[in-house]
Amino acid sequence: MSNFNTSNGNITIDDQVIVGYITDEIHKIKGVSKMISSISDSFSKNIFGRNSGMNGVRISRDGDNISINLHIIVYYGYNIPQLSYEIQSAVKTAIEEFTGLKVDAVNISVEGIDQEND
């Protein structure tokens, strides 16, 4: 969570809000099939019955600075470096604009290739 102190009180931004913005931005980009959970998320869900709700997003915080790690599946035939750059740019812009946080990095792990359905 991010906390901002203002003259009128405190503002807290939960990680789920940030994940929502990230998910919205990624779904706008043509070429991304889906986001997938990491192995540790899958382990927690299967063994402990807990769902982190992060859907392939990991957020690391250092004060008001964050780093974002994304795990995605892309459609066959898309230029992965170009697609990754588009995702990084869109996510960084959205998070900084809507939350006021500084995004230090958006790291992308392409976990697989999917066939696009016509």
PDB file of N, CA and C in Angstrom:
ATOM      1  N   MET A   1       0.825  -1.176   0.000  1.00  0.00           N
ATOM      2  CA  MET A   1       0.000   0.000   0.000  1.00  0.00           C
ATOM      3  C   MET A   1       0.871   1.242   0.000  1.00  0.00           C
ATOM      4  N   SER A   2       0.367   2.264  -0.658  1.00  0.00           N
ATOM      5  CA  SER A   2       1.050   3.556  -0.667  1.00  0.00           C
ATOM      6  C   SER A   2       0.259   4.526   0.176  1.00  0.00           C
ATOM      7  N   ASN A   3       0.970   5.272   0.991  1.00  0.00           N
ATOM      8  CA  ASN A   3       0.341   6.272   1.845  1.00  0.00           C
ATOM      9  C   ASN A   3       0.846   7.654   1.476  1.00  0.00           C
ATOM     10  N   PHE A   4      -0.078   8.588   1.324  1.00  0.00           N
ATOM     11  CA  PHE A   4       0.261   9.974   1.055  1.00  0.00           C
ATOM     12  C   PHE A   4      -0.351  10.813   2.157  1.00  0.00           C
ATOM     13  N   ASN A   5       0.440  11.656   2.762  1.00  0.00           N
ATOM     14  CA  ASN A   5      -0.065  12.565   3.783  1.00  0.00           C
ATOM     15  C   ASN A   5      -0.356  13.909   3.139  1.00  0.00           C
ATOM     16  N   THR A   6      -1.570  14.403   3.334  1.00  0.00           N
ATOM     17  CA  THR A   6      -1.950  15.712   2.816  1.00  0.00           C
ATOM     18  C   THR A   6      -2.399  16.575   3.982  1.00  0.00           C
ATOM     19  N   SER A   7      -2.641  17.830   3.716  1.00  0.00           N
ATOM     20  CA  SER A   7      -3.098  18.727   4.777  1.00  0.00           C
ATOM     21  C   SER A   7      -4.503  18.367   5.255  1.00  0.00           C
ATOM     22  N   ASN A   8      -5.237  17.627   4.424  1.00  0.00           N
ATOM     23  CA  ASN A   8      -6.606  17.230   4.779  1.00  0.00           C
ATOM     24  C   ASN A   8      -6.700  15.827   5.362  1.00  0.00           C
ATOM     25  N   GLY A   9      -5.614  15.074   5.388  1.00  0.00           N
ATOM     26  CA  GLY A   9      -5.634  13.706   5.898  1.00  0.00           C
ATOM     27  C   GLY A   9      -4.697  12.817   5.111  1.00  0.00           C
ATOM     28  N   ASN A  10      -4.924  11.518   5.206  1.00  0.00           N
ATOM     29  CA  ASN A  10      -4.078  10.529   4.535  1.00  0.00           C
ATOM     30  C   ASN A  10      -4.813   9.876   3.372  1.00  0.00           C
ATOM     31  N   ILE A  11      -4.043   9.527   2.346  1.00  0.00           N
ATOM     32  CA  ILE A  11      -4.567   8.789   1.200  1.00  0.00           C
ATOM     33  C   ILE A  11      -3.773   7.495   1.112  1.00  0.00           C
ATOM     34  N   THR A  12      -4.471   6.378   1.018  1.00  0.00           N
ATOM     35  CA  THR A  12      -3.830   5.077   0.906  1.00  0.00           C
ATOM     36  C   THR A  12      -4.255   4.434  -0.409  1.00  0.00           C
ATOM     37  N   ILE A  13      -3.266   3.949  -1.176  1.00  0.00           N
ATOM     38  CA  ILE A  13      -3.543   3.262  -2.438  1.00  0.00           C
ATOM     39  C   ILE A  13      -3.131   1.811  -2.284  1.00  0.00           C
ATOM     40  N   ASP A  14      -4.092   0.908  -2.373  1.00  0.00           N
ATOM     41  CA  ASP A  14      -3.857  -0.520  -2.226  1.00  0.00           C
ATOM     42  C   ASP A  14      -3.248  -1.092  -3.514  1.00  0.00           C
ATOM     43  N   ASP A  15      -2.481  -2.171  -3.372  1.00  0.00           N
ATOM     44  CA  ASP A  15      -1.870  -2.826  -4.533  1.00  0.00           C
ATOM     45  C   ASP A  15      -2.907  -3.276  -5.553  1.00  0.00           C
ATOM     46  N   GLN A  16      -4.097  -3.675  -5.095  1.00  0.00           N
ATOM     47  CA  GLN A  16      -5.146  -4.126  -6.015  1.00  0.00           C
ATOM     48  C   GLN A  16      -5.572  -3.005  -6.962  1.00  0.00           C
ATOM     49  N   VAL A  17      -5.522  -1.767  -6.514  1.00  0.00           N
ATOM     50  CA  VAL A  17      -5.853  -0.628  -7.374  1.00  0.00           C
ATOM     51  C   VAL A  17      -4.814  -0.514  -8.483  1.00  0.00           C
ATOM     52  N   ILE A  18      -3.558  -0.659  -8.117  1.00  0.00           N
ATOM     53  CA  ILE A  18      -2.467  -0.589  -9.098  1.00  0.00           C
ATOM     54  C   ILE A  18      -2.594  -1.736 -10.096  1.00  0.00           C
ATOM     55  N   VAL A  19      -2.894  -2.927  -9.599  1.00  0.00           N
ATOM     56  CA  VAL A  19      -3.078  -4.091 -10.480  1.00  0.00           C
ATOM     57  C   VAL A  19      -4.226  -3.844 -11.457  1.00  0.00           C
ATOM     58  N   GLY A  20      -5.287  -3.209 -10.988  1.00  0.00           N
ATOM     59  CA  GLY A  20      -6.408  -2.880 -11.867  1.00  0.00           C
ATOM     60  C   GLY A  20      -6.001  -1.977 -13.012  1.00  0.00           C
ATOM     61  N   TYR A  21      -5.234  -0.944 -12.712  1.00  0.00           N
ATOM     62  CA  TYR A  21      -4.749  -0.055 -13.772  1.00  0.00           C
ATOM     63  C   TYR A  21      -3.842  -0.809 -14.747  1.00  0.00           C
ATOM     64  N   ILE A  22      -2.963  -1.633 -14.213  1.00  0.00           N
ATOM     65  CA  ILE A  22      -2.046  -2.401 -15.068  1.00  0.00           C
ATOM     66  C   ILE A  22      -2.829  -3.331 -15.991  1.00  0.00           C
ATOM     67  N   THR A  23      -3.773  -4.062 -15.431  1.00  0.00           N
ATOM     68  CA  THR A  23      -4.584  -5.001 -16.216  1.00  0.00           C
ATOM     69  C   THR A  23      -5.346  -4.274 -17.316  1.00  0.00           C
ATOM     70  N   ASP A  24      -5.948  -3.137 -16.991  1.00  0.00           N
ATOM     71  CA  ASP A  24      -6.670  -2.360 -18.001  1.00  0.00           C
ATOM     72  C   ASP A  24      -5.750  -1.942 -19.141  1.00  0.00           C
ATOM     73  N   GLU A  25      -4.558  -1.487 -18.816  1.00  0.00           N
ATOM     74  CA  GLU A  25      -3.623  -1.039 -19.857  1.00  0.00           C
ATOM     75  C   GLU A  25      -3.168  -2.204 -20.731  1.00  0.00           C
ATOM     76  N   ILE A  26      -2.874  -3.334 -20.124  1.00  0.00           N
ATOM     77  CA  ILE A  26      -2.395  -4.483 -20.896  1.00  0.00           C
ATOM     78  C   ILE A  26      -3.479  -5.009 -21.833  1.00  0.00           C
ATOM     79  N   HIS A  27      -4.735  -5.008 -21.388  1.00  0.00           N
ATOM     80  CA  HIS A  27      -5.820  -5.496 -22.247  1.00  0.00           C
ATOM     81  C   HIS A  27      -6.066  -4.595 -23.449  1.00  0.00           C
ATOM     82  N   LYS A  28      -5.575  -3.379 -23.430  1.00  0.00           N
ATOM     83  CA  LYS A  28      -5.716  -2.463 -24.564  1.00  0.00           C
ATOM     84  C   LYS A  28      -4.690  -2.735 -25.653  1.00  0.00           C
ATOM     85  N   ILE A  29      -3.650  -3.500 -25.337  1.00  0.00           N
ATOM     86  CA  ILE A  29      -2.534  -3.698 -26.261  1.00  0.00           C
ATOM     87  C   ILE A  29      -2.742  -4.982 -27.060  1.00  0.00           C
ATOM     88  N   LYS A  30      -2.790  -4.831 -28.370  1.00  0.00           N
ATOM     89  CA  LYS A  30      -2.988  -5.971 -29.269  1.00  0.00           C
ATOM     90  C   LYS A  30      -1.712  -6.811 -29.293  1.00  0.00           C
ATOM     91  N   GLY A  31      -1.895  -8.105 -29.090  1.00  0.00           N
ATOM     92  CA  GLY A  31      -0.754  -9.017 -29.115  1.00  0.00           C
ATOM     93  C   GLY A  31      -0.571  -9.766 -27.805  1.00  0.00           C
ATOM     94  N   VAL A  32      -1.210  -9.289 -26.748  1.00  0.00           N
ATOM     95  CA  VAL A  32      -1.131  -9.970 -25.458  1.00  0.00           C
ATOM     96  C   VAL A  32      -2.309 -10.933 -25.343  1.00  0.00           C
ATOM     97  N   SER A  33      -2.015 -12.208 -25.158  1.00  0.00           N
ATOM     98  CA  SER A  33      -3.068 -13.210 -24.992  1.00  0.00           C
ATOM     99  C   SER A  33      -3.646 -13.128 -23.598  1.00  0.00           C
ATOM    100  N   LYS A  34      -2.785 -13.220 -22.588  1.00  0.00           N
ATOM    101  CA  LYS A  34      -3.243 -13.162 -21.201  1.00  0.00           C
ATOM    102  C   LYS A  34      -2.066 -12.955 -20.264  1.00  0.00           C
ATOM    103  N   MET A  35      -2.410 -12.614 -19.041  1.00  0.00           N
ATOM    104  CA  MET A  35      -1.429 -12.525 -17.968  1.00  0.00           C
ATOM    105  C   MET A  35      -1.565 -13.813 -17.172  1.00  0.00           C
ATOM    106  N   ILE A  36      -0.438 -14.324 -16.682  1.00  0.00           N
ATOM    107  CA  ILE A  36      -0.495 -15.565 -15.921  1.00  0.00           C
ATOM    108  C   ILE A  36       0.158 -15.377 -14.558  1.00  0.00           C
ATOM    109  N   SER A  37      -0.316 -16.137 -13.603  1.00  0.00           N
ATOM    110  CA  SER A  37       0.235 -16.078 -12.258  1.00  0.00           C
ATOM    111  C   SER A  37       1.597 -16.750 -12.223  1.00  0.00           C
ATOM    112  N   SER A  38       2.415 -16.309 -11.299  1.00  0.00           N
ATOM    113  CA  SER A  38       3.724 -16.919 -11.123  1.00  0.00           C
ATOM    114  C   SER A  38       3.573 -18.267 -10.424  1.00  0.00           C
ATOM    115  N   ILE A  39       4.634 -19.015 -10.347  1.00  0.00           N
ATOM    116  CA  ILE A  39       4.609 -20.329  -9.711  1.00  0.00           C
ATOM    117  C   ILE A  39       4.229 -20.204  -8.238  1.00  0.00           C
ATOM    118  N   SER A  40       4.741 -19.187  -7.540  1.00  0.00           N
ATOM    119  CA  SER A  40       4.412 -19.037  -6.117  1.00  0.00           C
ATOM    120  C   SER A  40       2.936 -18.711  -5.918  1.00  0.00           C
ATOM    121  N   ASP A  41       2.338 -17.920  -6.830  1.00  0.00           N
ATOM    122  CA  ASP A  41       0.893 -17.647  -6.744  1.00  0.00           C
ATOM    123  C   ASP A  41       0.096 -18.929  -6.945  1.00  0.00           C
ATOM    124  N   SER A  42       0.491 -19.732  -7.930  1.00  0.00           N
ATOM    125  CA  SER A  42      -0.195 -20.992  -8.196  1.00  0.00           C
ATOM    126  C   SER A  42      -0.060 -21.946  -7.011  1.00  0.00           C
ATOM    127  N   PHE A  43       1.120 -21.971  -6.409  1.00  0.00           N
ATOM    128  CA  PHE A  43       1.358 -22.828  -5.248  1.00  0.00           C
ATOM    129  C   PHE A  43       0.450 -22.429  -4.089  1.00  0.00           C
ATOM    130  N   SER A  44       0.379 -21.135  -3.809  1.00  0.00           N
ATOM    131  CA  SER A  44      -0.475 -20.648  -2.713  1.00  0.00           C
ATOM    132  C   SER A  44      -1.933 -20.980  -2.969  1.00  0.00           C
ATOM    133  N   LYS A  45      -2.358 -20.827  -4.219  1.00  0.00           N
ATOM    134  CA  LYS A  45      -3.759 -21.096  -4.547  1.00  0.00           C
ATOM    135  C   LYS A  45      -4.081 -22.585  -4.401  1.00  0.00           C
ATOM    136  N   ASN A  46      -3.180 -23.444  -4.874  1.00  0.00           N
ATOM    137  CA  ASN A  46      -3.440 -24.879  -4.849  1.00  0.00           C
ATOM    138  C   ASN A  46      -3.267 -25.489  -3.458  1.00  0.00           C
ATOM    139  N   ILE A  47      -2.251 -25.102  -2.734  1.00  0.00           N
ATOM    140  CA  ILE A  47      -1.951 -25.714  -1.448  1.00  0.00           C
ATOM    141  C   ILE A  47      -2.737 -25.063  -0.309  1.00  0.00           C
ATOM    142  N   PHE A  48      -2.736 -23.736  -0.259  1.00  0.00           N
ATOM    143  CA  PHE A  48      -3.345 -23.023   0.862  1.00  0.00           C
ATOM    144  C   PHE A  48      -4.751 -22.512   0.567  1.00  0.00           C
ATOM    145  N   GLY A  49      -5.181 -22.613  -0.687  1.00  0.00           N
ATOM    146  CA  GLY A  49      -6.509 -22.135  -1.044  1.00  0.00           C
ATOM    147  C   GLY A  49      -6.609 -20.626  -1.102  1.00  0.00           C
ATOM    148  N   ARG A  50      -5.474 -19.952  -1.140  1.00  0.00           N
ATOM    149  CA  ARG A  50      -5.452 -18.488  -1.198  1.00  0.00           C
ATOM    150  C   ARG A  50      -5.203 -18.028  -2.627  1.00  0.00           C
ATOM    151  N   ASN A  51      -5.970 -17.063  -3.056  1.00  0.00           N
ATOM    152  CA  ASN A  51      -5.756 -16.457  -4.357  1.00  0.00           C
ATOM    153  C   ASN A  51      -5.265 -15.038  -4.113  1.00  0.00           C
ATOM    154  N   SER A  52      -4.053 -14.723  -4.591  1.00  0.00           N
ATOM    155  CA  SER A  52      -3.476 -13.403  -4.334  1.00  0.00           C
ATOM    156  C   SER A  52      -4.205 -12.309  -5.102  1.00  0.00           C
ATOM    157  N   GLY A  53      -4.902 -12.674  -6.186  1.00  0.00           N
ATOM    158  CA  GLY A  53      -5.608 -11.688  -6.985  1.00  0.00           C
ATOM    159  C   GLY A  53      -4.687 -10.821  -7.826  1.00  0.00           C
ATOM    160  N   MET A  54      -3.420 -11.173  -7.873  1.00  0.00           N
ATOM    161  CA  MET A  54      -2.455 -10.345  -8.585  1.00  0.00           C
ATOM    162  C   MET A  54      -2.362 -10.689 -10.077  1.00  0.00           C
ATOM    163  N   ASN A  55      -2.828 -11.863 -10.486  1.00  0.00           N
ATOM    164  CA  ASN A  55      -2.939 -12.221 -11.908  1.00  0.00           C
ATOM    165  C   ASN A  55      -1.709 -11.902 -12.747  1.00  0.00           C
ATOM    166  N   GLY A  56      -0.554 -12.394 -12.345  1.00  0.00           N
ATOM    167  CA  GLY A  56       0.654 -12.193 -13.134  1.00  0.00           C
ATOM    168  C   GLY A  56       1.367 -10.889 -12.878  1.00  0.00           C
ATOM    169  N   VAL A  57       1.017 -10.185 -11.822  1.00  0.00           N
ATOM    170  CA  VAL A  57       1.645  -8.898 -11.492  1.00  0.00           C
ATOM    171  C   VAL A  57       2.313  -9.006 -10.132  1.00  0.00           C
ATOM    172  N   ARG A  58       3.546  -8.568 -10.055  1.00  0.00           N
ATOM    173  CA  ARG A  58       4.271  -8.459  -8.790  1.00  0.00           C
ATOM    174  C   ARG A  58       4.711  -7.009  -8.636  1.00  0.00           C
ATOM    175  N   ILE A  59       4.458  -6.452  -7.465  1.00  0.00           N
ATOM    176  CA  ILE A  59       4.815  -5.059  -7.201  1.00  0.00           C
ATOM    177  C   ILE A  59       5.801  -5.019  -6.047  1.00  0.00           C
ATOM    178  N   SER A  60       6.925  -4.326  -6.259  1.00  0.00           N
ATOM    179  CA  SER A  60       7.911  -4.108  -5.211  1.00  0.00           C
ATOM    180  C   SER A  60       7.949  -2.624  -4.923  1.00  0.00           C
ATOM    181  N   ARG A  61       7.978  -2.274  -3.639  1.00  0.00           N
ATOM    182  CA  ARG A  61       7.919  -0.871  -3.250  1.00  0.00           C
ATOM    183  C   ARG A  61       9.183  -0.422  -2.528  1.00  0.00           C
ATOM    184  N   ASP A  62       9.524   0.815  -2.771  1.00  0.00           N
ATOM    185  CA  ASP A  62      10.583   1.488  -2.038  1.00  0.00           C
ATOM    186  C   ASP A  62      10.099   2.915  -1.815  1.00  0.00           C
ATOM    187  N   GLY A  63       9.358   3.126  -0.735  1.00  0.00           N
ATOM    188  CA  GLY A  63       8.739   4.430  -0.485  1.00  0.00           C
ATOM    189  C   GLY A  63       7.646   4.677  -1.504  1.00  0.00           C
ATOM    190  N   ASP A  64       7.738   5.796  -2.218  1.00  0.00           N
ATOM    191  CA  ASP A  64       6.770   6.123  -3.265  1.00  0.00           C
ATOM    192  C   ASP A  64       7.220   5.648  -4.641  1.00  0.00           C
ATOM    193  N   ASN A  65       8.290   4.862  -4.690  1.00  0.00           N
ATOM    194  CA  ASN A  65       8.780   4.289  -5.939  1.00  0.00           C
ATOM    195  C   ASN A  65       8.382   2.824  -5.994  1.00  0.00           C
ATOM    196  N   ILE A  66       7.974   2.373  -7.180  1.00  0.00           N
ATOM    197  CA  ILE A  66       7.615   0.959  -7.333  1.00  0.00           C
ATOM    198  C   ILE A  66       8.289   0.364  -8.559  1.00  0.00           C
ATOM    199  N   SER A  67       8.483  -0.941  -8.484  1.00  0.00           N
ATOM    200  CA  SER A  67       8.922  -1.736  -9.626  1.00  0.00           C
ATOM    201  C   SER A  67       7.838  -2.773  -9.864  1.00  0.00           C
ATOM    202  N   ILE A  68       7.556  -3.030 -11.123  1.00  0.00           N
ATOM    203  CA  ILE A  68       6.468  -3.929 -11.498  1.00  0.00           C
ATOM    204  C   ILE A  68       7.040  -5.066 -12.333  1.00  0.00           C
ATOM    205  N   ASN A  69       6.678  -6.297 -11.978  1.00  0.00           N
ATOM    206  CA  ASN A  69       7.052  -7.475 -12.749  1.00  0.00           C
ATOM    207  C   ASN A  69       5.775  -8.089 -13.310  1.00  0.00           C
ATOM    208  N   LEU A  70       5.760  -8.306 -14.626  1.00  0.00           N
ATOM    209  CA  LEU A  70       4.594  -8.848 -15.314  1.00  0.00           C
ATOM    210  C   LEU A  70       4.942 -10.179 -15.969  1.00  0.00           C
ATOM    211  N   HIS A  71       4.024 -11.130 -15.888  1.00  0.00           N
ATOM    212  CA  HIS A  71       4.172 -12.435 -16.533  1.00  0.00           C
ATOM    213  C   HIS A  71       3.039 -12.568 -17.544  1.00  0.00           C
ATOM    214  N   ILE A  72       3.407 -12.690 -18.830  1.00  0.00           N
ATOM    215  CA  ILE A  72       2.395 -12.680 -19.881  1.00  0.00           C
ATOM    216  C   ILE A  72       2.604 -13.803 -20.891  1.00  0.00           C
ATOM    217  N   ILE A  73       1.531 -14.088 -21.624  1.00  0.00           N
ATOM    218  CA  ILE A  73       1.547 -14.958 -22.796  1.00  0.00           C
ATOM    219  C   ILE A  73       1.224 -14.049 -23.983  1.00  0.00           C
ATOM    220  N   VAL A  74       2.006 -14.151 -25.056  1.00  0.00           N
ATOM    221  CA  VAL A  74       1.766 -13.319 -26.228  1.00  0.00           C
ATOM    222  C   VAL A  74       1.263 -14.179 -27.384  1.00  0.00           C
ATOM    223  N   TYR A  75       0.600 -13.523 -28.320  1.00  0.00           N
ATOM    224  CA  TYR A  75       0.139 -14.224 -29.514  1.00  0.00           C
ATOM    225  C   TYR A  75       1.283 -14.424 -30.494  1.00  0.00           C
ATOM    226  N   TYR A  76       1.264 -15.538 -31.175  1.00  0.00           N
ATOM    227  CA  TYR A  76       2.253 -15.867 -32.191  1.00  0.00           C
ATOM    228  C   TYR A  76       2.242 -14.798 -33.292  1.00  0.00           C
ATOM    229  N   GLY A  77       3.432 -14.427 -33.740  1.00  0.00           N
ATOM    230  CA  GLY A  77       3.568 -13.506 -34.860  1.00  0.00           C
ATOM    231  C   GLY A  77       3.806 -12.059 -34.467  1.00  0.00           C
ATOM    232  N   TYR A  78       3.728 -11.740 -33.192  1.00  0.00           N
ATOM    233  CA  TYR A  78       3.971 -10.362 -32.744  1.00  0.00           C
ATOM    234  C   TYR A  78       5.431 -10.200 -32.358  1.00  0.00           C
ATOM    235  N   ASN A  79       5.956  -9.029 -32.630  1.00  0.00           N
ATOM    236  CA  ASN A  79       7.337  -8.702 -32.294  1.00  0.00           C
ATOM    237  C   ASN A  79       7.428  -8.510 -30.783  1.00  0.00           C
ATOM    238  N   ILE A  80       8.058  -9.453 -30.103  1.00  0.00           N
ATOM    239  CA  ILE A  80       8.081  -9.450 -28.635  1.00  0.00           C
ATOM    240  C   ILE A  80       8.789  -8.216 -28.063  1.00  0.00           C
ATOM    241  N   PRO A  81       9.959  -7.816 -28.572  1.00  0.00           N
ATOM    242  CA  PRO A  81      10.575  -6.605 -28.011  1.00  0.00           C
ATOM    243  C   PRO A  81       9.697  -5.355 -28.188  1.00  0.00           C
ATOM    244  N   GLN A  82       9.073  -5.200 -29.346  1.00  0.00           N
ATOM    245  CA  GLN A  82       8.205  -4.040 -29.585  1.00  0.00           C
ATOM    246  C   GLN A  82       6.969  -4.095 -28.684  1.00  0.00           C
ATOM    247  N   LEU A  83       6.377  -5.262 -28.574  1.00  0.00           N
ATOM    248  CA  LEU A  83       5.211  -5.448 -27.724  1.00  0.00           C
ATOM    249  C   LEU A  83       5.567  -5.146 -26.260  1.00  0.00           C
ATOM    250  N   SER A  84       6.708  -5.619 -25.819  1.00  0.00           N
ATOM    251  CA  SER A  84       7.163  -5.374 -24.444  1.00  0.00           C
ATOM    252  C   SER A  84       7.372  -3.893 -24.189  1.00  0.00           C
ATOM    253  N   TYR A  85       7.953  -3.196 -25.154  1.00  0.00           N
ATOM    254  CA  TYR A  85       8.161  -1.754 -25.011  1.00  0.00           C
ATOM    255  C   TYR A  85       6.816  -1.027 -24.888  1.00  0.00           C
ATOM    256  N   GLU A  86       5.832  -1.414 -25.709  1.00  0.00           N
ATOM    257  CA  GLU A  86       4.503  -0.797 -25.637  1.00  0.00           C
ATOM    258  C   GLU A  86       3.876  -1.008 -24.259  1.00  0.00           C
ATOM    259  N   ILE A  87       4.014  -2.222 -23.734  1.00  0.00           N
ATOM    260  CA  ILE A  87       3.464  -2.526 -22.408  1.00  0.00           C
ATOM    261  C   ILE A  87       4.165  -1.686 -21.345  1.00  0.00           C
ATOM    262  N   GLN A  88       5.488  -1.661 -21.385  1.00  0.00           N
ATOM    263  CA  GLN A  88       6.247  -0.898 -20.392  1.00  0.00           C
ATOM    264  C   GLN A  88       5.846   0.570 -20.402  1.00  0.00           C
ATOM    265  N   SER A  89       5.764   1.136 -21.577  1.00  0.00           N
ATOM    266  CA  SER A  89       5.421   2.555 -21.710  1.00  0.00           C
ATOM    267  C   SER A  89       4.008   2.843 -21.211  1.00  0.00           C
ATOM    268  N   ALA A  90       3.041   2.012 -21.620  1.00  0.00           N
ATOM    269  CA  ALA A  90       1.642   2.224 -21.233  1.00  0.00           C
ATOM    270  C   ALA A  90       1.449   2.067 -19.728  1.00  0.00           C
ATOM    271  N   VAL A  91       2.049   1.039 -19.149  1.00  0.00           N
ATOM    272  CA  VAL A  91       1.900   0.787 -17.717  1.00  0.00           C
ATOM    273  C   VAL A  91       2.560   1.895 -16.903  1.00  0.00           C
ATOM    274  N   LYS A  92       3.773   2.267 -17.271  1.00  0.00           N
ATOM    275  CA  LYS A  92       4.488   3.333 -16.545  1.00  0.00           C
ATOM    276  C   LYS A  92       3.697   4.632 -16.571  1.00  0.00           C
ATOM    277  N   THR A  93       3.223   5.020 -17.736  1.00  0.00           N
ATOM    278  CA  THR A  93       2.455   6.261 -17.880  1.00  0.00           C
ATOM    279  C   THR A  93       1.178   6.226 -17.046  1.00  0.00           C
ATOM    280  N   ALA A  94       0.430   5.134 -17.128  1.00  0.00           N
ATOM    281  CA  ALA A  94      -0.839   5.038 -16.402  1.00  0.00           C
ATOM    282  C   ALA A  94      -0.637   5.077 -14.896  1.00  0.00           C
ATOM    283  N   ILE A  95       0.304   4.315 -14.387  1.00  0.00           N
ATOM    284  CA  ILE A  95       0.520   4.263 -12.939  1.00  0.00           C
ATOM    285  C   ILE A  95       0.989   5.612 -12.413  1.00  0.00           C
ATOM    286  N   GLU A  96       1.923   6.233 -13.106  1.00  0.00           N
ATOM    287  CA  GLU A  96       2.414   7.534 -12.639  1.00  0.00           C
ATOM    288  C   GLU A  96       1.336   8.603 -12.722  1.00  0.00           C
ATOM    289  N   GLU A  97       0.523   8.562 -13.773  1.00  0.00           N
ATOM    290  CA  GLU A  97      -0.534   9.558 -13.952  1.00  0.00           C
ATOM    291  C   GLU A  97      -1.658   9.398 -12.933  1.00  0.00           C
ATOM    292  N   PHE A  98      -2.110   8.169 -12.717  1.00  0.00           N
ATOM    293  CA  PHE A  98      -3.292   7.942 -11.886  1.00  0.00           C
ATOM    294  C   PHE A  98      -3.008   7.796 -10.398  1.00  0.00           C
ATOM    295  N   THR A  99      -1.768   7.422 -10.032  1.00  0.00           N
ATOM    296  CA  THR A  99      -1.484   7.204  -8.608  1.00  0.00           C
ATOM    297  C   THR A  99      -0.487   8.188  -8.019  1.00  0.00           C
ATOM    298  N   GLY A 100       0.304   8.845  -8.855  1.00  0.00           N
ATOM    299  CA  GLY A 100       1.329   9.743  -8.345  1.00  0.00           C
ATOM    300  C   GLY A 100       2.589   9.025  -7.901  1.00  0.00           C
ATOM    301  N   LEU A 101       2.627   7.708  -8.032  1.00  0.00           N
ATOM    302  CA  LEU A 101       3.819   6.940  -7.684  1.00  0.00           C
ATOM    303  C   LEU A 101       4.843   7.037  -8.798  1.00  0.00           C
ATOM    304  N   LYS A 102       6.110   6.858  -8.477  1.00  0.00           N
ATOM    305  CA  LYS A 102       7.185   6.845  -9.466  1.00  0.00           C
ATOM    306  C   LYS A 102       7.487   5.397  -9.810  1.00  0.00           C
ATOM    307  N   VAL A 103       7.388   5.043 -11.085  1.00  0.00           N
ATOM    308  CA  VAL A 103       7.667   3.686 -11.543  1.00  0.00           C
ATOM    309  C   VAL A 103       9.134   3.610 -11.955  1.00  0.00           C
ATOM    310  N   ASP A 104       9.910   2.829 -11.188  1.00  0.00           N
ATOM    311  CA  ASP A 104      11.331   2.666 -11.497  1.00  0.00           C
ATOM    312  C   ASP A 104      11.560   1.691 -12.644  1.00  0.00           C
ATOM    313  N   ALA A 105      10.741   0.629 -12.713  1.00  0.00           N
ATOM    314  CA  ALA A 105      10.925  -0.380 -13.756  1.00  0.00           C
ATOM    315  C   ALA A 105       9.634  -1.147 -13.983  1.00  0.00           C
ATOM    316  N   VAL A 106       9.430  -1.545 -15.238  1.00  0.00           N
ATOM    317  CA  VAL A 106       8.366  -2.484 -15.596  1.00  0.00           C
ATOM    318  C   VAL A 106       9.074  -3.641 -16.296  1.00  0.00           C
ATOM    319  N   ASN A 107       9.250  -4.731 -15.561  1.00  0.00           N
ATOM    320  CA  ASN A 107       9.935  -5.913 -16.075  1.00  0.00           C
ATOM    321  C   ASN A 107       8.914  -6.900 -16.614  1.00  0.00           C
ATOM    322  N   ILE A 108       9.184  -7.424 -17.805  1.00  0.00           N
ATOM    323  CA  ILE A 108       8.231  -8.322 -18.457  1.00  0.00           C
ATOM    324  C   ILE A 108       8.864  -9.683 -18.672  1.00  0.00           C
ATOM    325  N   SER A 109       8.158 -10.726 -18.248  1.00  0.00           N
ATOM    326  CA  SER A 109       8.567 -12.102 -18.511  1.00  0.00           C
ATOM    327  C   SER A 109       7.541 -12.695 -19.468  1.00  0.00           C
ATOM    328  N   VAL A 110       7.985 -13.007 -20.671  1.00  0.00           N
ATOM    329  CA  VAL A 110       7.105 -13.668 -21.635  1.00  0.00           C
ATOM    330  C   VAL A 110       7.202 -15.156 -21.341  1.00  0.00           C
ATOM    331  N   GLU A 111       6.097 -15.720 -20.874  1.00  0.00           N
ATOM    332  CA  GLU A 111       6.076 -17.098 -20.394  1.00  0.00           C
ATOM    333  C   GLU A 111       5.641 -18.097 -21.461  1.00  0.00           C
ATOM    334  N   GLY A 112       5.166 -17.595 -22.613  1.00  0.00           N
ATOM    335  CA  GLY A 112       4.754 -18.515 -23.661  1.00  0.00           C
ATOM    336  C   GLY A 112       4.113 -17.802 -24.833  1.00  0.00           C
ATOM    337  N   ILE A 113       3.804 -18.609 -25.847  1.00  0.00           N
ATOM    338  CA  ILE A 113       3.194 -18.127 -27.087  1.00  0.00           C
ATOM    339  C   ILE A 113       1.846 -18.825 -27.231  1.00  0.00           C
ATOM    340  N   ASP A 114       0.845 -18.101 -27.704  1.00  0.00           N
ATOM    341  CA  ASP A 114      -0.489 -18.635 -27.873  1.00  0.00           C
ATOM    342  C   ASP A 114      -0.930 -18.383 -29.314  1.00  0.00           C
ATOM    343  N   GLN A 115      -1.822 -19.207 -29.824  1.00  0.00           N
ATOM    344  CA  GLN A 115      -2.393 -18.999 -31.149  1.00  0.00           C
ATOM    345  C   GLN A 115      -3.589 -18.060 -31.025  1.00  0.00           C
ATOM    346  N   GLU A 116      -3.647 -17.080 -31.898  1.00  0.00           N
ATOM    347  CA  GLU A 116      -4.745 -16.130 -31.887  1.00  0.00           C
ATOM    348  C   GLU A 116      -5.951 -16.768 -32.577  1.00  0.00           C
ATOM    349  N   ASN A 117      -7.102 -16.724 -31.925  1.00  0.00           N
ATOM    350  CA  ASN A 117      -8.333 -17.250 -32.513  1.00  0.00           C
ATOM    351  C   ASN A 117      -8.930 -16.211 -33.446  1.00  0.00           C
ATOM    352  N   ASP A 118      -9.366 -16.672 -34.614  1.00  0.00           N
ATOM    353  CA  ASP A 118      -9.969 -15.732 -35.571  1.00  0.00           C
ATOM    354  C   ASP A 118     -11.419 -15.538 -35.324  1.00  0.00           C
TER     355      ASP A 118
END
